[in-house]
Amino acid sequence: MYAPAPALPSWTEAADAVAAAVQTLTRVPVADLVDAQLAPALAEVATQAARLHSVAVDVVAEADVRSVWRTQAASSLRGWVRRCVQLADDSTRLVTAARTRPFMPKMAKLFSRGQVSLAQMGTAARQIRRLPDAPAWPDQGGNSSSAGSHADGTDSHADFDAFSKCPVAVDRPRGKALTWPEEF
């Protein structure tokens, strides 16, 4: 017979426990660490910070699913995140990571363990978003009738990433515009 798993605390109780643990840590003098302890201490802080950013991404993803930002009069999900002053500088990374995390489960797992930072997760998410739907093969028919045109009826156009404004090459049927979600 197996003992039942202990009940999980509420989200508020868990957040209070984290706050109490951080409060305790801030009272321990860093000056008491010996030289050999400084690097491991910094690595531990970085790991836990990344894990907390992963929780923030979970919250942002849930707010997106529920469209909370719309009901709270924000112009976008990023705008809603920016209302939290401590996260304003990371709002784009948080939203991008929240929306692309389902497409990169290995990175999401590393992120939740604190093995990659929010910056690394955001960079990976941005790169995943830039990948074309399918590989663009070179024109094998020797058709050079017009620059950017392919024999299969597609054109190569330079589109721009919604956040970075960097050009992104995509192939799409002629005359079809690339459309982005309302706020990605």
N, C-alpha and C. Protein backbone atom coordinates (compact mmCIF):
# COMPACT_ATOMS: atom_id res chain seq x y z
N MET A 1 0.84 -1.18 0.00
CA MET A 1 0.00 0.00 0.00
C MET A 1 0.89 1.24 0.00
N TYR A 2 0.41 2.20 -0.73
CA TYR A 2 1.13 3.45 -0.85
C TYR A 2 0.45 4.51 0.01
N ALA A 3 1.29 5.33 0.61
CA ALA A 3 0.75 6.45 1.37
C ALA A 3 0.33 7.53 0.38
N PRO A 4 -0.78 8.20 0.66
CA PRO A 4 -1.20 9.26 -0.27
C PRO A 4 -0.19 10.39 -0.29
N ALA A 5 -0.07 10.98 -1.44
CA ALA A 5 0.85 12.11 -1.59
C ALA A 5 0.34 13.28 -0.76
N PRO A 6 1.26 13.99 -0.13
CA PRO A 6 0.80 15.14 0.65
C PRO A 6 0.17 16.20 -0.27
N ALA A 7 -0.82 16.87 0.26
CA ALA A 7 -1.50 17.90 -0.52
C ALA A 7 -0.54 19.06 -0.79
N LEU A 8 -0.63 19.60 -1.98
CA LEU A 8 0.20 20.77 -2.33
C LEU A 8 -0.35 22.00 -1.61
N PRO A 9 0.54 22.90 -1.24
CA PRO A 9 0.05 24.14 -0.65
C PRO A 9 -0.64 24.98 -1.72
N SER A 10 -1.39 25.97 -1.30
CA SER A 10 -1.99 26.88 -2.28
C SER A 10 -0.86 27.70 -2.92
N TRP A 11 -1.19 28.34 -4.04
CA TRP A 11 -0.19 29.16 -4.72
C TRP A 11 0.30 30.26 -3.79
N THR A 12 -0.62 30.87 -3.06
CA THR A 12 -0.26 31.95 -2.14
C THR A 12 0.64 31.44 -1.02
N GLU A 13 0.34 30.27 -0.48
CA GLU A 13 1.19 29.70 0.57
C GLU A 13 2.59 29.41 0.04
N ALA A 14 2.67 28.87 -1.16
CA ALA A 14 3.98 28.57 -1.75
C ALA A 14 4.76 29.86 -2.00
N ALA A 15 4.10 30.90 -2.52
CA ALA A 15 4.77 32.18 -2.76
C ALA A 15 5.24 32.80 -1.44
N ASP A 16 4.43 32.67 -0.39
CA ASP A 16 4.83 33.18 0.93
C ASP A 16 6.06 32.44 1.44
N ALA A 17 6.13 31.13 1.21
CA ALA A 17 7.28 30.35 1.65
C ALA A 17 8.55 30.77 0.91
N VAL A 18 8.41 31.04 -0.39
CA VAL A 18 9.56 31.51 -1.17
C VAL A 18 10.02 32.86 -0.64
N ALA A 19 9.07 33.76 -0.39
CA ALA A 19 9.41 35.08 0.13
C ALA A 19 10.12 34.97 1.47
N ALA A 20 9.64 34.07 2.33
CA ALA A 20 10.28 33.89 3.64
C ALA A 20 11.70 33.34 3.48
N ALA A 21 11.89 32.40 2.56
CA ALA A 21 13.22 31.83 2.34
C ALA A 21 14.18 32.90 1.80
N VAL A 22 13.71 33.73 0.88
CA VAL A 22 14.56 34.80 0.34
C VAL A 22 14.87 35.81 1.44
N GLN A 23 13.88 36.13 2.26
CA GLN A 23 14.11 37.06 3.37
C GLN A 23 15.19 36.52 4.30
N THR A 24 15.14 35.23 4.60
CA THR A 24 16.17 34.62 5.45
C THR A 24 17.53 34.71 4.77
N LEU A 25 17.58 34.42 3.49
CA LEU A 25 18.85 34.46 2.76
C LEU A 25 19.44 35.87 2.74
N THR A 26 18.59 36.87 2.62
CA THR A 26 19.11 38.25 2.59
C THR A 26 19.69 38.68 3.93
N ARG A 27 19.31 37.99 5.00
CA ARG A 27 19.85 38.35 6.33
C ARG A 27 21.18 37.67 6.62
N VAL A 28 21.56 36.68 5.81
CA VAL A 28 22.84 36.00 6.01
C VAL A 28 23.92 36.85 5.34
N PRO A 29 24.92 37.28 6.09
CA PRO A 29 25.95 38.15 5.50
C PRO A 29 26.78 37.41 4.44
N VAL A 30 26.81 37.96 3.26
CA VAL A 30 27.62 37.39 2.19
C VAL A 30 29.09 37.46 2.56
N ALA A 31 29.46 38.42 3.35
CA ALA A 31 30.85 38.58 3.78
C ALA A 31 31.34 37.37 4.59
N ASP A 32 30.41 36.58 5.13
CA ASP A 32 30.80 35.40 5.89
C ASP A 32 31.24 34.23 5.00
N LEU A 33 30.98 34.33 3.71
CA LEU A 33 31.38 33.26 2.80
C LEU A 33 32.88 33.31 2.56
N VAL A 34 33.50 32.14 2.50
CA VAL A 34 34.91 32.10 2.15
C VAL A 34 35.02 32.19 0.63
N ASP A 35 36.18 32.50 0.14
CA ASP A 35 36.38 32.69 -1.31
C ASP A 35 35.84 31.53 -2.13
N ALA A 36 36.08 30.31 -1.69
CA ALA A 36 35.65 29.13 -2.45
C ALA A 36 34.12 28.99 -2.49
N GLN A 37 33.41 29.68 -1.62
CA GLN A 37 31.95 29.59 -1.58
C GLN A 37 31.27 30.64 -2.47
N LEU A 38 31.98 31.65 -2.90
CA LEU A 38 31.35 32.74 -3.65
C LEU A 38 30.80 32.29 -5.01
N ALA A 39 31.58 31.57 -5.78
CA ALA A 39 31.11 31.12 -7.10
C ALA A 39 29.92 30.17 -6.98
N PRO A 40 29.97 29.16 -6.10
CA PRO A 40 28.78 28.30 -5.95
C PRO A 40 27.56 29.07 -5.44
N ALA A 41 27.78 30.06 -4.57
CA ALA A 41 26.66 30.87 -4.08
C ALA A 41 26.02 31.65 -5.22
N LEU A 42 26.85 32.24 -6.06
CA LEU A 42 26.34 33.00 -7.21
C LEU A 42 25.59 32.08 -8.17
N ALA A 43 26.14 30.89 -8.41
CA ALA A 43 25.48 29.92 -9.31
C ALA A 43 24.12 29.50 -8.74
N GLU A 44 24.05 29.31 -7.45
CA GLU A 44 22.77 28.92 -6.82
C GLU A 44 21.74 30.04 -6.93
N VAL A 45 22.17 31.26 -6.71
CA VAL A 45 21.26 32.40 -6.85
C VAL A 45 20.76 32.49 -8.30
N ALA A 46 21.65 32.31 -9.27
CA ALA A 46 21.26 32.37 -10.68
C ALA A 46 20.27 31.25 -11.02
N THR A 47 20.50 30.06 -10.50
CA THR A 47 19.59 28.94 -10.75
C THR A 47 18.21 29.23 -10.20
N GLN A 48 18.16 29.70 -8.95
CA GLN A 48 16.86 29.96 -8.35
C GLN A 48 16.15 31.14 -9.02
N ALA A 49 16.91 32.14 -9.45
CA ALA A 49 16.31 33.27 -10.18
C ALA A 49 15.69 32.78 -11.49
N ALA A 50 16.39 31.90 -12.19
CA ALA A 50 15.86 31.35 -13.45
C ALA A 50 14.60 30.53 -13.19
N ARG A 51 14.59 29.78 -12.11
CA ARG A 51 13.40 28.99 -11.77
C ARG A 51 12.22 29.91 -11.47
N LEU A 52 12.48 31.01 -10.79
CA LEU A 52 11.40 31.96 -10.51
C LEU A 52 10.93 32.65 -11.80
N HIS A 53 11.85 32.93 -12.72
CA HIS A 53 11.43 33.48 -14.01
C HIS A 53 10.56 32.47 -14.76
N SER A 54 10.86 31.18 -14.61
CA SER A 54 10.03 30.15 -15.23
C SER A 54 8.61 30.20 -14.67
N VAL A 55 8.49 30.42 -13.38
CA VAL A 55 7.17 30.56 -12.77
C VAL A 55 6.47 31.81 -13.32
N ALA A 56 7.23 32.90 -13.49
CA ALA A 56 6.65 34.11 -14.08
C ALA A 56 6.14 33.83 -15.49
N VAL A 57 6.88 33.04 -16.27
CA VAL A 57 6.42 32.67 -17.61
C VAL A 57 5.13 31.85 -17.52
N ASP A 58 5.03 30.96 -16.53
CA ASP A 58 3.79 30.21 -16.33
C ASP A 58 2.61 31.15 -16.08
N VAL A 59 2.83 32.16 -15.25
CA VAL A 59 1.77 33.13 -14.94
C VAL A 59 1.38 33.91 -16.19
N VAL A 60 2.38 34.34 -16.95
CA VAL A 60 2.11 35.09 -18.19
C VAL A 60 1.33 34.21 -19.18
N ALA A 61 1.72 32.96 -19.31
CA ALA A 61 1.03 32.04 -20.22
C ALA A 61 -0.43 31.86 -19.80
N GLU A 62 -0.66 31.73 -18.52
CA GLU A 62 -2.04 31.57 -18.03
C GLU A 62 -2.84 32.84 -18.26
N ALA A 63 -2.23 34.00 -18.03
CA ALA A 63 -2.91 35.26 -18.29
C ALA A 63 -3.26 35.39 -19.77
N ASP A 64 -2.38 34.88 -20.64
CA ASP A 64 -2.64 34.92 -22.07
C ASP A 64 -3.81 34.01 -22.44
N VAL A 65 -3.80 32.79 -21.91
CA VAL A 65 -4.88 31.84 -22.19
C VAL A 65 -6.23 32.42 -21.76
N ARG A 66 -6.24 33.07 -20.62
CA ARG A 66 -7.49 33.63 -20.08
C ARG A 66 -7.80 35.02 -20.63
N SER A 67 -6.92 35.58 -21.42
CA SER A 67 -7.07 36.95 -21.96
C SER A 67 -7.27 37.97 -20.85
N VAL A 68 -6.59 37.76 -19.74
CA VAL A 68 -6.72 38.65 -18.60
C VAL A 68 -6.31 40.07 -18.97
N TRP A 69 -5.30 40.20 -19.82
CA TRP A 69 -4.82 41.53 -20.18
C TRP A 69 -5.92 42.34 -20.85
N ARG A 70 -6.81 41.68 -21.59
CA ARG A 70 -7.91 42.41 -22.25
C ARG A 70 -8.92 42.92 -21.22
N THR A 71 -9.26 42.07 -20.25
CA THR A 71 -10.26 42.46 -19.26
C THR A 71 -9.73 43.46 -18.25
N GLN A 72 -8.40 43.62 -18.19
CA GLN A 72 -7.80 44.58 -17.27
C GLN A 72 -7.30 45.82 -17.99
N ALA A 73 -7.89 46.08 -19.14
CA ALA A 73 -7.68 47.31 -19.90
C ALA A 73 -6.23 47.54 -20.33
N ALA A 74 -5.49 46.48 -20.59
CA ALA A 74 -4.14 46.64 -21.14
C ALA A 74 -4.24 46.55 -22.66
N SER A 75 -3.36 47.23 -23.35
CA SER A 75 -3.41 47.23 -24.81
C SER A 75 -2.86 45.94 -25.41
N SER A 76 -2.06 45.20 -24.63
CA SER A 76 -1.48 43.95 -25.11
C SER A 76 -1.03 43.14 -23.90
N LEU A 77 -0.68 41.90 -24.14
CA LEU A 77 -0.15 41.08 -23.06
C LEU A 77 1.16 41.68 -22.56
N ARG A 78 2.01 42.13 -23.48
CA ARG A 78 3.26 42.78 -23.06
C ARG A 78 3.00 43.99 -22.20
N GLY A 79 2.00 44.79 -22.58
CA GLY A 79 1.63 45.96 -21.79
C GLY A 79 1.15 45.57 -20.40
N TRP A 80 0.43 44.46 -20.33
CA TRP A 80 -0.05 43.97 -19.03
C TRP A 80 1.14 43.56 -18.16
N VAL A 81 2.12 42.88 -18.75
CA VAL A 81 3.31 42.47 -17.99
C VAL A 81 4.10 43.70 -17.55
N ARG A 82 4.18 44.71 -18.41
CA ARG A 82 4.93 45.92 -18.08
C ARG A 82 4.38 46.65 -16.86
N ARG A 83 3.12 46.41 -16.53
CA ARG A 83 2.54 47.05 -15.35
C ARG A 83 3.26 46.62 -14.07
N CYS A 84 3.86 45.46 -14.11
CA CYS A 84 4.68 45.01 -12.98
C CYS A 84 6.07 45.60 -13.19
N VAL A 85 6.36 46.67 -12.47
CA VAL A 85 7.57 47.45 -12.69
C VAL A 85 8.83 46.58 -12.70
N GLN A 86 8.90 45.58 -11.81
CA GLN A 86 10.10 44.75 -11.72
C GLN A 86 10.29 43.89 -12.98
N LEU A 87 9.24 43.66 -13.76
CA LEU A 87 9.34 42.82 -14.95
C LEU A 87 9.26 43.61 -16.26
N ALA A 88 9.13 44.91 -16.17
CA ALA A 88 8.93 45.72 -17.38
C ALA A 88 10.02 45.50 -18.42
N ASP A 89 11.28 45.46 -17.98
CA ASP A 89 12.38 45.28 -18.93
C ASP A 89 12.38 43.90 -19.58
N ASP A 90 11.77 42.93 -18.93
CA ASP A 90 11.75 41.56 -19.46
C ASP A 90 10.42 41.19 -20.10
N SER A 91 9.52 42.14 -20.29
CA SER A 91 8.17 41.82 -20.76
C SER A 91 8.17 41.09 -22.10
N THR A 92 8.99 41.52 -23.05
CA THR A 92 9.03 40.87 -24.35
C THR A 92 9.53 39.43 -24.22
N ARG A 93 10.59 39.23 -23.45
CA ARG A 93 11.11 37.87 -23.25
C ARG A 93 10.08 36.98 -22.56
N LEU A 94 9.40 37.51 -21.56
CA LEU A 94 8.40 36.72 -20.84
C LEU A 94 7.26 36.31 -21.76
N VAL A 95 6.75 37.23 -22.54
CA VAL A 95 5.64 36.93 -23.46
C VAL A 95 6.09 35.95 -24.55
N THR A 96 7.25 36.20 -25.13
CA THR A 96 7.76 35.32 -26.18
C THR A 96 7.98 33.91 -25.64
N ALA A 97 8.59 33.80 -24.46
CA ALA A 97 8.82 32.48 -23.86
C ALA A 97 7.49 31.80 -23.53
N ALA A 98 6.53 32.54 -23.02
CA ALA A 98 5.23 31.96 -22.68
C ALA A 98 4.52 31.41 -23.90
N ARG A 99 4.61 32.13 -25.01
CA ARG A 99 3.88 31.72 -26.21
C ARG A 99 4.60 30.66 -27.05
N THR A 100 5.89 30.53 -26.90
CA THR A 100 6.61 29.54 -27.72
C THR A 100 7.05 28.32 -26.92
N ARG A 101 6.92 28.37 -25.62
CA ARG A 101 7.35 27.25 -24.77
C ARG A 101 6.76 25.90 -25.19
N PRO A 102 5.49 25.81 -25.57
CA PRO A 102 4.95 24.51 -25.99
C PRO A 102 5.67 23.91 -27.20
N PHE A 103 6.34 24.75 -28.00
CA PHE A 103 7.03 24.28 -29.20
C PHE A 103 8.47 23.88 -28.94
N MET A 104 8.94 24.06 -27.72
CA MET A 104 10.32 23.71 -27.37
C MET A 104 10.36 23.10 -25.97
N PRO A 105 9.84 21.88 -25.84
CA PRO A 105 9.72 21.26 -24.52
C PRO A 105 11.05 21.01 -23.82
N LYS A 106 12.11 20.72 -24.56
CA LYS A 106 13.40 20.49 -23.90
C LYS A 106 13.93 21.77 -23.26
N MET A 107 13.82 22.88 -23.97
CA MET A 107 14.25 24.16 -23.40
C MET A 107 13.36 24.53 -22.21
N ALA A 108 12.07 24.27 -22.32
CA ALA A 108 11.15 24.58 -21.23
C ALA A 108 11.51 23.80 -19.97
N LYS A 109 11.91 22.56 -20.15
CA LYS A 109 12.30 21.73 -19.00
C LYS A 109 13.59 22.27 -18.37
N LEU A 110 14.56 22.61 -19.20
CA LEU A 110 15.81 23.20 -18.68
C LEU A 110 15.52 24.51 -17.96
N PHE A 111 14.62 25.30 -18.51
CA PHE A 111 14.26 26.58 -17.91
C PHE A 111 13.60 26.39 -16.55
N SER A 112 12.66 25.46 -16.47
CA SER A 112 11.97 25.23 -15.20
C SER A 112 12.91 24.70 -14.12
N ARG A 113 13.98 24.04 -14.54
CA ARG A 113 14.99 23.55 -13.58
C ARG A 113 16.02 24.63 -13.22
N GLY A 114 15.97 25.76 -13.91
CA GLY A 114 16.93 26.82 -13.66
C GLY A 114 18.25 26.60 -14.36
N GLN A 115 18.29 25.73 -15.36
CA GLN A 115 19.53 25.43 -16.06
C GLN A 115 19.80 26.38 -17.22
N VAL A 116 18.78 27.13 -17.64
CA VAL A 116 18.96 28.21 -18.61
C VAL A 116 18.24 29.43 -18.05
N SER A 117 18.72 30.60 -18.43
CA SER A 117 18.16 31.85 -17.92
C SER A 117 16.99 32.32 -18.78
N LEU A 118 16.29 33.34 -18.30
CA LEU A 118 15.22 33.94 -19.08
C LEU A 118 15.77 34.49 -20.39
N ALA A 119 16.95 35.10 -20.35
CA ALA A 119 17.55 35.64 -21.58
C ALA A 119 17.80 34.52 -22.59
N GLN A 120 18.33 33.39 -22.13
CA GLN A 120 18.59 32.26 -23.02
C GLN A 120 17.28 31.68 -23.56
N MET A 121 16.28 31.58 -22.71
CA MET A 121 14.97 31.06 -23.14
C MET A 121 14.35 32.01 -24.17
N GLY A 122 14.45 33.31 -23.91
CA GLY A 122 13.92 34.30 -24.85
C GLY A 122 14.62 34.25 -26.19
N THR A 123 15.93 34.09 -26.17
CA THR A 123 16.69 34.00 -27.42
C THR A 123 16.29 32.75 -28.20
N ALA A 124 16.19 31.62 -27.50
CA ALA A 124 15.77 30.38 -28.18
C ALA A 124 14.37 30.52 -28.75
N ALA A 125 13.47 31.12 -27.99
CA ALA A 125 12.10 31.30 -28.45
C ALA A 125 12.05 32.20 -29.68
N ARG A 126 12.82 33.27 -29.66
CA ARG A 126 12.86 34.19 -30.81
C ARG A 126 13.39 33.47 -32.05
N GLN A 127 14.41 32.63 -31.88
CA GLN A 127 14.97 31.90 -33.02
C GLN A 127 13.97 30.87 -33.55
N ILE A 128 13.25 30.21 -32.67
CA ILE A 128 12.23 29.24 -33.09
C ILE A 128 11.15 29.94 -33.91
N ARG A 129 10.75 31.12 -33.46
CA ARG A 129 9.72 31.87 -34.18
C ARG A 129 10.18 32.27 -35.57
N ARG A 130 11.47 32.43 -35.77
CA ARG A 130 12.00 32.87 -37.06
C ARG A 130 12.15 31.73 -38.06
N LEU A 131 12.03 30.50 -37.61
CA LEU A 131 12.19 29.38 -38.54
C LEU A 131 11.06 29.37 -39.55
N PRO A 132 11.36 29.08 -40.80
CA PRO A 132 10.29 28.99 -41.80
C PRO A 132 9.46 27.73 -41.55
N ASP A 133 8.24 27.72 -42.09
CA ASP A 133 7.38 26.56 -41.95
C ASP A 133 7.97 25.33 -42.64
N ALA A 134 8.67 25.55 -43.73
CA ALA A 134 9.28 24.46 -44.49
C ALA A 134 10.61 24.98 -45.05
N PRO A 135 11.52 24.07 -45.36
CA PRO A 135 12.80 24.53 -45.92
C PRO A 135 12.58 25.19 -47.29
N ALA A 136 13.36 26.21 -47.56
CA ALA A 136 13.32 26.87 -48.87
C ALA A 136 14.43 26.27 -49.72
N TRP A 137 14.04 25.55 -50.74
CA TRP A 137 15.00 24.89 -51.62
C TRP A 137 15.40 25.83 -52.74
N PRO A 138 16.65 25.78 -53.17
CA PRO A 138 17.07 26.62 -54.30
C PRO A 138 16.34 26.22 -55.56
N ASP A 139 16.18 27.18 -56.45
CA ASP A 139 15.50 26.93 -57.72
C ASP A 139 16.34 25.95 -58.54
N GLN A 140 15.81 24.75 -58.78
CA GLN A 140 16.57 23.73 -59.49
C GLN A 140 16.29 23.75 -60.99
N GLY A 141 15.29 24.52 -61.40
CA GLY A 141 14.96 24.54 -62.82
C GLY A 141 15.74 25.56 -63.61
N GLY A 142 16.59 26.32 -62.96
CA GLY A 142 17.38 27.32 -63.66
C GLY A 142 16.54 28.53 -64.05
N ASN A 143 15.35 28.66 -63.50
CA ASN A 143 14.46 29.77 -63.82
C ASN A 143 14.96 31.02 -63.13
N SER A 144 15.42 31.95 -63.90
CA SER A 144 15.87 33.21 -63.33
C SER A 144 15.06 34.36 -63.90
N SER A 145 13.76 34.08 -64.21
CA SER A 145 12.94 35.08 -64.86
C SER A 145 12.71 36.31 -64.01
N SER A 146 12.58 36.14 -62.72
CA SER A 146 12.43 37.33 -61.86
C SER A 146 13.06 37.03 -60.52
N ALA A 147 13.72 38.04 -60.00
CA ALA A 147 14.40 37.87 -58.72
C ALA A 147 13.39 37.54 -57.64
N GLY A 148 13.67 36.49 -56.90
CA GLY A 148 12.81 36.11 -55.80
C GLY A 148 11.68 35.19 -56.19
N SER A 149 11.47 34.93 -57.48
CA SER A 149 10.39 34.04 -57.90
C SER A 149 10.91 32.63 -58.05
N HIS A 150 10.07 31.68 -57.69
CA HIS A 150 10.40 30.27 -57.82
C HIS A 150 9.44 29.63 -58.81
N ALA A 151 9.87 28.55 -59.42
CA ALA A 151 9.06 27.86 -60.42
C ALA A 151 7.73 27.37 -59.85
N ASP A 152 7.67 27.13 -58.52
CA ASP A 152 6.45 26.60 -57.91
C ASP A 152 5.41 27.69 -57.59
N GLY A 153 5.68 28.93 -58.01
CA GLY A 153 4.71 30.00 -57.80
C GLY A 153 4.87 30.73 -56.49
N THR A 154 5.99 30.58 -55.83
CA THR A 154 6.22 31.31 -54.58
C THR A 154 7.26 32.39 -54.81
N ASP A 155 7.20 33.40 -53.97
CA ASP A 155 8.18 34.48 -53.99
C ASP A 155 8.92 34.48 -52.67
N SER A 156 10.19 34.85 -52.71
CA SER A 156 10.94 35.06 -51.49
C SER A 156 10.81 36.54 -51.14
N HIS A 157 10.32 36.82 -49.98
CA HIS A 157 10.18 38.19 -49.51
C HIS A 157 10.88 38.34 -48.19
N ALA A 158 11.41 39.48 -47.93
CA ALA A 158 11.97 39.75 -46.61
C ALA A 158 10.86 40.34 -45.75
N ASP A 159 10.41 39.60 -44.77
CA ASP A 159 9.46 40.10 -43.81
C ASP A 159 10.23 40.51 -42.57
N PHE A 160 9.55 41.12 -41.63
CA PHE A 160 10.23 41.60 -40.45
C PHE A 160 9.64 40.97 -39.22
N ASP A 161 10.54 40.53 -38.32
CA ASP A 161 10.14 39.97 -37.05
C ASP A 161 9.37 41.04 -36.28
N ALA A 162 8.25 40.67 -35.67
CA ALA A 162 7.39 41.63 -35.01
C ALA A 162 8.08 42.36 -33.87
N PHE A 163 9.01 41.72 -33.17
CA PHE A 163 9.64 42.36 -32.02
C PHE A 163 10.95 43.03 -32.38
N SER A 164 11.82 42.29 -33.04
CA SER A 164 13.17 42.81 -33.28
C SER A 164 13.26 43.68 -34.52
N LYS A 165 12.24 43.62 -35.38
CA LYS A 165 12.22 44.34 -36.65
C LYS A 165 13.33 43.89 -37.58
N CYS A 166 13.88 42.69 -37.33
CA CYS A 166 14.91 42.13 -38.19
C CYS A 166 14.26 41.44 -39.38
N PRO A 167 14.89 41.49 -40.56
CA PRO A 167 14.31 40.80 -41.71
C PRO A 167 14.30 39.28 -41.50
N VAL A 168 13.22 38.68 -41.94
CA VAL A 168 13.07 37.23 -41.86
C VAL A 168 12.67 36.77 -43.25
N ALA A 169 13.48 35.95 -43.90
CA ALA A 169 13.16 35.47 -45.25
C ALA A 169 12.15 34.34 -45.16
N VAL A 170 11.07 34.45 -45.91
CA VAL A 170 10.07 33.39 -45.97
C VAL A 170 9.66 33.20 -47.42
N ASP A 171 9.22 32.01 -47.74
CA ASP A 171 8.65 31.74 -49.05
C ASP A 171 7.15 31.60 -48.85
N ARG A 172 6.38 32.26 -49.68
CA ARG A 172 4.93 32.15 -49.59
C ARG A 172 4.35 32.29 -50.99
N PRO A 173 3.15 31.81 -51.22
CA PRO A 173 2.54 31.97 -52.54
C PRO A 173 2.45 33.44 -52.93
N ARG A 174 2.69 33.72 -54.22
CA ARG A 174 2.61 35.11 -54.70
C ARG A 174 1.25 35.71 -54.38
N GLY A 175 1.28 36.95 -53.94
CA GLY A 175 0.03 37.66 -53.67
C GLY A 175 -0.53 37.41 -52.29
N LYS A 176 0.04 36.49 -51.53
CA LYS A 176 -0.47 36.20 -50.19
C LYS A 176 0.36 36.98 -49.18
N ALA A 177 -0.28 37.72 -48.36
CA ALA A 177 0.42 38.50 -47.34
C ALA A 177 0.65 37.64 -46.11
N LEU A 178 1.76 37.89 -45.47
CA LEU A 178 2.06 37.22 -44.21
C LEU A 178 1.28 37.92 -43.13
N THR A 179 0.53 37.20 -42.34
CA THR A 179 -0.25 37.82 -41.27
C THR A 179 0.25 37.36 -39.93
N TRP A 180 0.31 38.27 -38.99
CA TRP A 180 0.73 37.98 -37.64
C TRP A 180 -0.48 37.97 -36.75
N PRO A 181 -0.45 37.22 -35.66
CA PRO A 181 -1.55 37.33 -34.69
C PRO A 181 -1.67 38.77 -34.22
N GLU A 182 -2.79 39.11 -33.65
CA GLU A 182 -3.06 40.48 -33.22
C GLU A 182 -1.91 41.05 -32.41
N GLU A 183 -1.40 40.30 -31.47
CA GLU A 183 -0.29 40.77 -30.63
C GLU A 183 0.53 39.55 -30.27
N PHE A 184 1.65 39.34 -30.93
CA PHE A 184 2.44 38.13 -30.66
C PHE A 184 3.49 38.39 -29.66
